[in-house]
Amino acid sequence: MVTALADAVWWYDLRGVNAALVDDGGDLTLVDAGMPWHGNALIAGLADAGFELRDLDRILLTHFDFDHVGGLPAFDGIDVTVYVGERDAPLVTGERDPPLSNHKGAFQRLASSFLDAPDNPVVTLADGDTVGSFTAYETPGHTPGHVSYVSERHSLALLGDMVSEDGGRFEPSPWLLSYDTDEAARSVAAFSERAPAVEIAVPGHGVPFQRGGSERLGRLAATL
């Protein structure tokens, strides 16, 4: 159900979308939560990695989208805190609807009717905020509040849908799936320049890289 990428890092391949599990020095962290029907798979993955549901401490979200927040209700009633970028947080909590004025927002508005807001507390993150060993980097474009996470302790970058993997290389978020592709491209370039070098890079879709993650992202940034 989960694949080990390193001693304390596991990859969930949820058939088209990724999530990750990280033992962050005793604070068990899930990154992204798949689709609404992935809740059981997320919980089963904890057991496959040698943990119990009660061991989970926090959930980091890269952004609000049907395929990244859908499984959150599976953790209702568990003492877990959800973290998300400031601009996407009101969508996760249901306090605000996605905008109909943007093609991606309109799709999100439709998909939101199939989502339930989490019962767990939701904490917002700004650029540079830290949670355990993770540093949040604002990487807007795919969504306004998209955040990528870097843990130097684990030499790990969790990139969400800022990029996807295709044929052994990173590709930028395409127009159809993005609020603003120009902003998404700037985010790739800025992140590649600002973030520390890591080996493991996990995109929201496609196969993660276990080595040379930052180098591969840099190759994409050089073309944008």
Protein backbone atom coordinates (compact mmCIF):
# COMPACT_ATOMS: atom_id res chain seq x y z
CA MET A 1 0.00 0.00 0.00
CA VAL A 2 2.93 2.33 0.71
CA THR A 3 6.44 2.33 -0.75
CA ALA A 4 9.47 3.35 1.31
CA LEU A 5 11.47 6.15 -0.31
CA ALA A 6 13.87 6.46 2.65
CA ASP A 7 14.12 5.23 6.25
CA ALA A 8 11.35 7.57 7.45
CA VAL A 9 9.57 8.51 4.22
CA TRP A 10 6.82 6.54 2.46
CA TRP A 11 4.94 7.16 -0.78
CA TYR A 12 1.25 6.47 -1.24
CA ASP A 13 0.42 5.72 -4.87
CA LEU A 14 -3.33 6.33 -4.81
CA ARG A 15 -3.88 5.44 -8.47
CA GLY A 16 -3.32 8.78 -10.10
CA VAL A 17 -2.57 11.00 -7.13
CA ASN A 18 0.14 10.88 -4.50
CA ALA A 19 0.33 11.31 -0.75
CA ALA A 20 3.31 10.87 1.56
CA LEU A 21 3.95 9.73 5.12
CA VAL A 22 6.93 11.00 7.10
CA ASP A 23 8.12 10.00 10.56
CA ASP A 24 9.39 13.46 11.45
CA GLY A 25 11.40 12.75 14.55
CA GLY A 26 8.46 11.17 16.34
CA ASP A 27 5.77 13.42 14.83
CA LEU A 28 4.04 11.31 12.21
CA THR A 29 3.05 13.50 9.28
CA LEU A 30 0.73 12.79 6.35
CA VAL A 31 1.12 15.04 3.33
CA ASP A 32 -2.07 15.41 1.27
CA ALA A 33 -5.14 13.26 1.63
CA GLY A 34 -6.22 11.97 -1.76
CA MET A 35 -9.82 11.69 -2.93
CA PRO A 36 -12.90 11.07 -0.78
CA TRP A 37 -12.73 7.31 -1.37
CA HIS A 38 -9.05 7.10 -0.38
CA GLY A 39 -9.60 7.40 3.37
CA ASN A 40 -9.38 3.68 4.03
CA ALA A 41 -6.25 3.37 1.89
CA LEU A 42 -4.58 6.19 3.81
CA ILE A 43 -5.33 4.51 7.12
CA ALA A 44 -4.22 1.10 5.83
CA GLY A 45 -0.96 2.69 4.68
CA LEU A 46 -0.22 3.73 8.24
CA ALA A 47 -0.34 0.10 9.28
CA ASP A 48 1.80 -0.97 6.33
CA ALA A 49 4.46 1.50 7.48
CA GLY A 50 4.30 0.09 11.03
CA PHE A 51 2.05 2.68 12.67
CA GLU A 52 -1.43 2.94 14.11
CA LEU A 53 -4.02 5.60 13.38
CA ARG A 54 -3.51 7.09 16.83
CA ASP A 55 0.16 7.71 15.95
CA LEU A 56 -0.70 10.32 13.32
CA ASP A 57 0.04 13.84 14.55
CA ARG A 58 -0.57 16.19 11.63
CA ILE A 59 -1.60 16.53 8.02
CA LEU A 60 0.14 18.97 5.70
CA LEU A 61 -1.84 19.99 2.62
CA THR A 62 -0.11 21.32 -0.45
CA HIS A 63 -3.35 22.88 -1.72
CA PHE A 64 -7.11 22.68 -1.96
CA ASP A 65 -8.24 20.31 -4.69
CA PHE A 66 -10.69 17.43 -4.77
CA ASP A 67 -7.87 14.89 -5.16
CA HIS A 68 -5.71 16.27 -2.35
CA VAL A 69 -8.20 17.02 0.45
CA GLY A 70 -10.94 14.48 -0.21
CA GLY A 71 -9.76 11.93 2.34
CA LEU A 72 -9.60 14.36 5.28
CA PRO A 73 -12.91 13.22 6.85
CA ALA A 74 -11.34 9.79 7.44
CA PHE A 75 -9.41 11.44 10.27
CA ASP A 76 -12.35 13.20 11.95
CA GLY A 77 -12.36 12.45 15.66
CA ILE A 78 -8.60 11.85 15.71
CA ASP A 79 -6.32 14.33 17.47
CA VAL A 80 -4.75 15.61 14.24
CA THR A 81 -4.04 19.17 13.11
CA VAL A 82 -4.36 20.11 9.44
CA TYR A 83 -1.98 22.70 7.96
CA VAL A 84 -2.57 24.54 4.68
CA GLY A 85 -1.52 27.72 2.89
CA GLU A 86 -3.31 30.92 3.88
CA ARG A 87 -5.13 31.55 0.62
CA ASP A 88 -6.45 27.99 0.28
CA ALA A 89 -7.43 27.57 3.93
CA PRO A 90 -10.96 29.10 3.62
CA LEU A 91 -11.72 26.61 0.86
CA VAL A 92 -10.58 23.67 2.99
CA THR A 93 -12.73 24.79 5.93
CA GLY A 94 -15.72 25.60 3.71
CA GLU A 95 -15.75 29.24 4.80
CA ARG A 96 -15.46 30.37 1.19
CA ASP A 97 -16.39 28.86 -2.16
CA PRO A 98 -13.95 28.70 -5.07
CA PRO A 99 -14.43 31.58 -7.52
CA LEU A 100 -16.53 31.08 -10.64
CA SER A 101 -14.53 33.81 -12.38
CA ASN A 102 -11.61 31.43 -12.99
CA HIS A 103 -11.84 28.25 -15.07
CA LYS A 104 -10.04 26.20 -12.43
CA GLY A 105 -12.09 27.80 -9.66
CA ALA A 106 -15.30 26.93 -11.46
CA PHE A 107 -14.25 23.29 -11.63
CA GLN A 108 -13.33 23.38 -7.94
CA ARG A 109 -16.75 24.85 -7.13
CA LEU A 110 -18.42 21.89 -8.84
CA ALA A 111 -16.16 19.34 -7.16
CA SER A 112 -16.63 20.96 -3.74
CA SER A 113 -20.19 19.68 -3.61
CA PHE A 114 -18.70 16.20 -3.10
CA LEU A 115 -16.35 17.26 -0.29
CA ASP A 116 -16.84 17.52 3.46
CA ALA A 117 -14.86 20.02 5.51
CA PRO A 118 -12.65 18.40 8.16
CA ASP A 119 -13.63 18.46 11.83
CA ASN A 120 -9.98 18.79 12.81
CA PRO A 121 -8.43 22.19 13.54
CA VAL A 122 -7.00 23.90 10.46
CA VAL A 123 -3.88 26.04 10.86
CA THR A 124 -2.75 28.42 8.10
CA LEU A 125 0.83 28.65 6.90
CA ALA A 126 2.66 31.57 5.32
CA ASP A 127 5.86 31.51 3.34
CA GLY A 128 8.75 30.49 5.58
CA ASP A 129 6.63 29.03 8.37
CA THR A 130 7.88 25.78 9.86
CA VAL A 131 6.12 22.68 11.14
CA GLY A 132 8.58 20.26 12.69
CA SER A 133 11.39 19.86 10.17
CA PHE A 134 9.22 21.13 7.31
CA THR A 135 9.48 24.64 5.88
CA ALA A 136 6.53 25.95 3.86
CA TYR A 137 7.20 27.69 0.55
CA GLU A 138 4.38 29.56 -1.11
CA THR A 139 4.23 28.28 -4.69
CA PRO A 140 1.03 29.76 -6.17
CA GLY A 141 -0.26 29.24 -9.67
CA HIS A 142 -1.87 25.82 -9.65
CA THR A 143 -4.02 27.31 -6.87
CA PRO A 144 -3.61 30.71 -5.20
CA GLY A 145 -2.64 29.16 -1.87
CA HIS A 146 -0.48 26.30 -3.13
CA VAL A 147 2.38 25.44 -0.75
CA SER A 148 5.37 23.15 -1.20
CA TYR A 149 7.26 21.70 1.76
CA VAL A 150 10.96 21.00 2.30
CA SER A 151 12.54 18.98 5.08
CA GLU A 152 16.32 19.21 5.10
CA ARG A 153 16.35 16.54 7.82
CA HIS A 154 14.91 14.05 5.35
CA SER A 155 16.39 15.63 2.18
CA LEU A 156 12.80 15.76 0.98
CA ALA A 157 10.64 18.12 -1.07
CA LEU A 158 6.87 17.68 -1.30
CA LEU A 159 5.85 19.59 -4.39
CA GLY A 160 2.12 19.01 -4.71
CA ASP A 161 0.80 20.06 -8.10
CA MET A 162 3.36 22.77 -8.72
CA VAL A 163 4.78 20.07 -11.01
CA SER A 164 3.99 16.53 -12.08
CA GLU A 165 6.25 13.69 -13.19
CA ASP A 166 5.99 12.45 -16.76
CA GLY A 167 8.46 10.14 -18.46
CA GLY A 168 11.17 10.66 -15.85
CA ARG A 169 11.05 14.45 -15.87
CA PHE A 170 9.10 17.19 -14.17
CA GLU A 171 6.40 19.09 -16.06
CA PRO A 172 4.78 22.37 -14.93
CA SER A 173 1.13 22.62 -13.98
CA PRO A 174 -0.86 22.92 -17.25
CA TRP A 175 -3.37 25.65 -18.10
CA LEU A 176 -6.44 23.46 -17.73
CA LEU A 177 -5.56 22.58 -14.13
CA SER A 178 -4.14 25.94 -13.02
CA TYR A 179 -5.46 29.27 -11.87
CA ASP A 180 -2.50 31.03 -13.51
CA THR A 181 0.16 29.18 -15.53
CA ASP A 182 2.49 32.19 -15.64
CA GLU A 183 2.43 32.37 -11.87
CA ALA A 184 2.94 28.61 -11.67
CA ALA A 185 6.05 28.90 -13.84
CA ARG A 186 7.41 31.71 -11.67
CA SER A 187 6.83 29.53 -8.62
CA VAL A 188 8.91 26.70 -10.11
CA ALA A 189 11.76 29.08 -10.83
CA ALA A 190 11.59 30.82 -7.45
CA PHE A 191 11.33 27.57 -5.50
CA SER A 192 14.24 26.04 -7.40
CA GLU A 193 16.36 29.07 -6.53
CA ARG A 194 15.26 29.52 -2.90
CA ALA A 195 14.85 26.03 -1.53
CA PRO A 196 17.78 23.96 -0.24
CA ALA A 197 18.92 21.05 -2.37
CA VAL A 198 17.26 17.72 -1.64
CA GLU A 199 17.46 14.22 -3.03
CA ILE A 200 13.83 13.05 -2.71
CA ALA A 201 11.15 14.99 -4.59
CA VAL A 202 7.50 13.92 -4.45
CA PRO A 203 5.11 15.54 -6.96
CA GLY A 204 1.35 15.39 -6.61
CA HIS A 205 1.10 13.09 -9.64
CA GLY A 206 3.56 10.67 -11.18
CA VAL A 207 6.51 8.78 -9.76
CA PRO A 208 8.65 10.43 -7.05
CA PHE A 209 12.38 10.85 -7.50
CA GLN A 210 14.55 9.29 -4.81
CA ARG A 211 17.75 10.96 -6.01
CA GLY A 212 18.57 14.26 -7.64
CA GLY A 213 15.19 15.82 -6.97
CA SER A 214 16.40 19.41 -6.83
CA GLU A 215 18.58 18.90 -9.90
CA ARG A 216 15.61 17.65 -11.90
CA LEU A 217 13.47 20.56 -10.78
CA GLY A 218 16.29 22.92 -11.74
CA ARG A 219 16.28 21.49 -15.27
CA LEU A 220 12.61 22.36 -15.60
CA ALA A 221 13.13 25.84 -14.14
CA ALA A 222 15.83 26.54 -16.71
CA THR A 223 13.32 25.98 -19.53
CA LEU A 224 10.58 28.26 -18.20
